[in-house]
Amino acid sequence: GERLDSTFFQILLPKEEFQKIEQDRVTEKLYAIHEKEGVQYVREIDTNTGALQKPMKIAHPFPKKVKIYNGEVFYIREDAQLKIKHLYKERMD
């Protein structure tokens, strides 16, 4: 395959817990996913500077398996009382 360039950058999220970096396979943009008090946020990462863009708050608390595809965030939310899992999709603008 082709040689890939790599960039080192530091992610600073005071009072928030960094979880992972996710890449959108269609747009090839990088996103940082982090949590603060049960609420998860997604921020685009500028690959040239490592700067984090404005955060997008995921609508439902405690989402699981957050994935980004074609500019949309997909995640699973579980209703423990009904023992049902729902798949949610949110558009990132």
Protein backbone atom coordinates (compact mmCIF):
# COMPACT_ATOMS: atom_id res chain seq x y z
CA GLY A 1 0.00 0.00 0.00
CA GLU A 2 0.89 3.67 -0.08
CA ARG A 3 2.96 5.36 2.59
CA LEU A 4 0.82 7.21 5.11
CA ASP A 5 1.91 10.47 6.73
CA SER A 6 1.52 10.78 10.47
CA THR A 7 1.15 13.83 12.67
CA PHE A 8 1.72 14.09 16.42
CA PHE A 9 -0.69 16.29 18.35
CA GLN A 10 -1.82 16.55 21.93
CA ILE A 11 -5.47 16.51 22.97
CA LEU A 12 -6.17 18.62 26.04
CA LEU A 13 -9.67 18.29 27.47
CA PRO A 14 -9.84 19.79 30.97
CA LYS A 15 -12.49 18.22 33.24
CA GLU A 16 -13.42 15.79 30.47
CA GLU A 17 -12.45 12.21 29.83
CA PHE A 18 -10.95 11.42 26.43
CA GLN A 19 -12.25 8.11 25.08
CA LYS A 20 -11.02 7.56 21.54
CA ILE A 21 -10.27 8.94 18.10
CA GLU A 22 -12.63 7.90 15.33
CA GLN A 23 -12.13 8.41 11.59
CA ASP A 24 -15.01 8.89 9.18
CA ARG A 25 -14.26 6.37 6.42
CA VAL A 26 -16.07 8.43 3.77
CA THR A 27 -14.82 11.97 4.51
CA GLU A 28 -11.54 10.75 6.12
CA LYS A 29 -11.88 13.41 8.86
CA LEU A 30 -10.68 12.61 12.39
CA TYR A 31 -12.83 13.11 15.48
CA ALA A 32 -12.11 13.01 19.21
CA ILE A 33 -14.83 11.42 21.33
CA HIS A 34 -14.88 12.43 24.97
CA GLU A 35 -17.21 12.31 27.96
CA LYS A 36 -18.18 14.70 30.72
CA GLU A 37 -20.58 13.53 33.45
CA GLY A 38 -22.18 10.81 31.30
CA VAL A 39 -22.65 13.05 28.25
CA GLN A 40 -20.51 12.30 25.22
CA TYR A 41 -19.17 14.88 22.80
CA VAL A 42 -17.64 14.62 19.34
CA ARG A 43 -15.11 17.18 18.09
CA GLU A 44 -13.44 17.32 14.71
CA ILE A 45 -9.63 17.38 14.88
CA ASP A 46 -7.65 19.67 12.60
CA THR A 47 -4.99 17.26 11.34
CA ASN A 48 -2.53 20.09 10.57
CA THR A 49 -2.54 21.70 14.01
CA GLY A 50 -4.23 19.17 16.30
CA ALA A 51 -6.78 21.82 17.31
CA LEU A 52 -10.20 20.63 18.40
CA GLN A 53 -13.22 22.21 16.76
CA LYS A 54 -16.52 23.12 18.41
CA PRO A 55 -18.02 20.13 20.28
CA MET A 56 -21.19 18.37 19.18
CA LYS A 57 -23.18 16.98 22.10
CA ILE A 58 -24.65 13.51 21.56
CA ALA A 59 -28.37 13.78 22.33
CA HIS A 60 -28.76 10.78 24.63
CA PRO A 61 -26.60 10.15 27.72
CA PHE A 62 -24.43 7.03 28.08
CA PRO A 63 -24.35 5.98 24.40
CA LYS A 64 -22.44 2.83 23.49
CA LYS A 65 -20.35 1.92 20.44
CA VAL A 66 -20.15 5.43 18.96
CA LYS A 67 -19.17 5.35 15.26
CA ILE A 68 -18.91 8.10 12.66
CA TYR A 69 -19.78 7.46 9.02
CA ASN A 70 -20.45 9.90 6.18
CA GLY A 71 -20.85 12.92 8.48
CA GLU A 72 -23.26 11.17 10.84
CA VAL A 73 -22.83 9.77 14.35
CA PHE A 74 -24.26 6.31 15.04
CA TYR A 75 -24.58 4.84 18.52
CA ILE A 76 -26.53 2.33 20.58
CA ARG A 77 -28.60 3.23 23.60
CA GLU A 78 -29.89 0.52 25.89
CA ASP A 79 -33.14 0.59 27.86
CA ALA A 80 -32.26 -1.67 30.80
CA GLN A 81 -35.82 -1.89 32.12
CA LEU A 82 -37.26 -3.09 28.81
CA LYS A 83 -34.07 -4.96 27.82
CA ILE A 84 -34.16 -3.26 24.42
CA LYS A 85 -31.34 -1.66 22.44
CA HIS A 86 -31.97 1.22 20.02
CA LEU A 87 -29.72 2.41 17.21
CA TYR A 88 -29.58 6.21 16.91
CA LYS A 89 -28.24 8.41 14.13
CA GLU A 90 -27.41 12.11 14.40
CA ARG A 91 -26.25 14.43 11.63
CA MET A 92 -23.12 16.46 12.36
CA ASP A 93 -23.45 20.01 11.05
